[in-house]
Protein backbone atom coordinates (compact mmCIF):
# COMPACT_ATOMS: atom_id res chain seq x y z
CA UNK A 1 129.88 72.62 -8.85
CA UNK A 2 126.58 71.41 -7.45
CA UNK A 3 123.22 72.22 -8.85
CA UNK A 4 120.13 72.40 -6.64
CA UNK A 5 116.89 70.88 -7.77
CA UNK A 6 114.66 73.32 -5.91
CA UNK A 7 112.88 70.87 -3.59
CA UNK A 8 113.56 68.80 -0.51
CA UNK A 9 112.34 65.36 0.46
CA UNK A 10 109.75 65.44 3.21
CA UNK A 11 110.30 63.05 6.03
CA UNK A 12 107.61 61.67 8.24
CA UNK A 13 107.81 62.79 11.86
CA UNK A 14 109.24 60.21 14.23
CA UNK A 15 106.72 57.63 15.40
CA UNK A 16 104.51 57.85 12.29
CA UNK A 17 106.47 55.46 10.11
CA UNK A 18 104.20 53.16 8.10
CA UNK A 19 105.24 49.53 7.99
CA UNK A 20 103.58 48.57 4.74
CA UNK A 21 100.79 49.26 2.30
CA UNK A 22 97.38 50.28 3.64
CA UNK A 23 95.25 47.39 4.82
CA UNK A 24 92.50 46.17 2.51
CA UNK A 25 89.54 44.99 4.54
CA UNK A 26 88.06 43.34 1.42
CA UNK A 27 90.93 40.84 1.23
CA UNK A 28 88.98 38.10 3.09
CA UNK A 29 86.03 38.57 0.72
CA UNK A 30 88.36 38.33 -2.29
CA UNK A 31 89.94 35.20 -0.82
CA UNK A 32 86.57 33.55 -0.23
CA UNK A 33 85.51 34.48 -3.76
CA UNK A 34 88.63 32.82 -5.16
CA UNK A 35 88.07 29.74 -2.98
CA UNK A 36 84.52 29.42 -4.31
CA UNK A 37 85.56 29.92 -7.94
CA UNK A 38 88.37 27.38 -7.81
CA UNK A 39 86.27 24.87 -5.87
CA UNK A 40 83.49 25.13 -8.47
CA UNK A 41 85.96 24.63 -11.32
CA UNK A 42 87.45 21.58 -9.62
CA UNK A 43 84.05 20.09 -8.84
CA UNK A 44 83.16 20.35 -12.53
CA UNK A 45 86.47 18.71 -13.46
CA UNK A 46 85.95 15.90 -10.94
CA UNK A 47 82.50 15.17 -12.33
CA UNK A 48 84.03 14.93 -15.80
CA UNK A 49 86.85 12.74 -14.47
CA UNK A 50 84.40 10.14 -13.22
CA UNK A 51 83.96 9.16 -16.91
CA UNK A 52 80.38 8.21 -16.07
CA UNK A 53 78.66 10.98 -17.94
CA UNK A 54 77.55 9.53 -21.22
CA UNK A 55 76.74 12.70 -23.11
CA UNK A 56 79.10 15.62 -23.54
CA UNK A 57 81.43 17.01 -20.95
CA UNK A 58 79.91 19.06 -18.16
CA UNK A 59 80.80 22.73 -18.41
CA UNK A 60 78.69 24.45 -15.71
CA UNK A 61 78.02 23.87 -12.06
CA UNK A 62 74.28 23.83 -12.82
CA UNK A 63 74.85 20.71 -14.94
CA UNK A 64 76.65 19.13 -11.97
CA UNK A 65 73.62 19.87 -9.82
CA UNK A 66 71.35 18.30 -12.42
CA UNK A 67 73.32 15.05 -12.24
CA UNK A 68 73.58 15.09 -8.45
CA UNK A 69 69.81 15.54 -8.14
CA UNK A 70 69.10 12.78 -10.65
CA UNK A 71 67.29 15.08 -13.05
CA UNK A 72 69.32 14.14 -16.11
CA UNK A 73 68.27 11.85 -18.94
CA UNK A 74 70.09 8.58 -18.39
CA UNK A 75 68.23 5.61 -19.80
CA UNK A 76 69.00 2.25 -18.29
CA UNK A 77 69.63 3.18 -14.69
CA UNK A 78 66.95 2.38 -12.17
CA UNK A 79 66.45 3.82 -8.72
CA UNK A 80 67.91 7.10 -7.53
CA UNK A 81 70.11 8.05 -10.45
CA UNK A 82 71.57 11.02 -8.59
CA UNK A 83 72.76 8.84 -5.70
CA UNK A 84 75.31 7.16 -7.94
CA UNK A 85 76.76 10.49 -9.07
CA UNK A 86 76.71 11.89 -5.53
CA UNK A 87 78.72 8.91 -4.32
CA UNK A 88 81.22 9.17 -7.16
CA UNK A 89 81.78 12.89 -6.65
CA UNK A 90 82.24 12.44 -2.89
CA UNK A 91 84.75 9.68 -3.66
CA UNK A 92 86.62 11.94 -6.10
CA UNK A 93 86.88 14.68 -3.47
CA UNK A 94 88.27 12.21 -0.95
CA UNK A 95 90.74 10.65 -3.39
CA UNK A 96 91.98 13.90 -4.96
CA UNK A 97 92.03 16.21 -1.93
CA UNK A 98 91.98 13.85 1.08
CA UNK A 99 88.90 15.57 2.44
CA UNK A 100 87.01 13.38 4.86
CA UNK A 101 83.47 14.10 5.90
CA UNK A 102 82.09 14.59 2.40
CA UNK A 103 79.56 11.88 1.63
CA UNK A 104 76.74 11.23 -0.79
CA UNK A 105 74.35 12.67 1.76
CA UNK A 106 76.00 16.09 2.07
CA UNK A 107 77.70 16.64 -1.30
CA UNK A 108 74.76 18.66 -2.60
CA UNK A 109 75.10 21.04 0.36
CA UNK A 110 78.81 21.48 -0.40
CA UNK A 111 78.09 22.27 -4.06
CA UNK A 112 75.21 24.60 -3.25
CA UNK A 113 77.29 26.43 -0.63
CA UNK A 114 80.12 26.92 -3.15
CA UNK A 115 77.64 28.42 -5.61
CA UNK A 116 76.09 30.71 -3.00
CA UNK A 117 79.49 31.77 -1.66
CA UNK A 118 80.67 32.70 -5.14
CA UNK A 119 77.48 34.69 -5.82
CA UNK A 120 77.53 36.52 -2.47
CA UNK A 121 81.20 37.43 -2.60
CA UNK A 122 80.93 38.51 -6.23
CA UNK A 123 78.02 40.80 -5.33
CA UNK A 124 79.96 42.22 -2.38
CA UNK A 125 83.00 42.86 -4.52
CA UNK A 126 80.89 44.57 -7.17
CA UNK A 127 79.07 46.69 -4.61
CA UNK A 128 82.17 47.71 -2.69
CA UNK A 129 84.53 48.17 -5.64
CA UNK A 130 85.55 51.69 -4.68
CA UNK A 131 85.18 51.46 -0.91
CA UNK A 132 87.56 48.95 0.62
CA UNK A 133 87.65 50.53 4.07
CA UNK A 134 84.96 48.34 5.60
CA UNK A 135 84.07 44.88 4.42
CA UNK A 136 80.65 43.39 5.08
CA UNK A 137 80.64 39.97 6.67
CA UNK A 138 80.02 36.76 4.75
CA UNK A 139 78.19 34.03 6.62
CA UNK A 140 79.42 30.50 5.94
CA UNK A 141 79.83 27.53 8.23
CA UNK A 142 83.45 26.86 9.14
CA UNK A 143 83.47 23.13 8.25
CA UNK A 144 82.11 23.83 4.76
CA UNK A 145 84.57 26.69 4.20
CA UNK A 146 87.34 24.34 5.32
CA UNK A 147 86.20 21.70 2.80
CA UNK A 148 85.98 24.25 -0.01
CA UNK A 149 89.40 25.67 0.83
CA UNK A 150 90.92 22.19 0.72
CA UNK A 151 89.34 21.58 -2.68
CA UNK A 152 90.71 24.94 -3.85
CA UNK A 153 94.14 24.26 -2.26
CA UNK A 154 93.92 27.44 -0.18
CA UNK A 155 94.89 26.97 3.46
């Protein structure tokens, strides 16, 4: 004896079969946000790993910028105090992630771009939280995005 359940399964007409979940146009923005966040975290860790910072451990990217610009209190060092930290951070990036092209002269641009990328993508994600149909573009130079993605281990 069979019992009916009172409904039938609807089938999609031929030719309208979906191959997967709906596309999320915000995925690139989310990916760039994650790249920026991880790159910032790793830059902070690399600055701490230099073991050159005499005070406490650095915990924010703004503190990293302070050291790279030479605006920290470090008695006993003469000359451009930030140059030493810029060179050490560029060296750490090369040694840990095999990223060439990062030098003491452009490390501040890399750090600043990571900060700006994280802020811009976070604002876009907050503003488009309920509308993922169309993603606004994020402007970033390809070589810098490549460097940040290598630091974040996202290829």
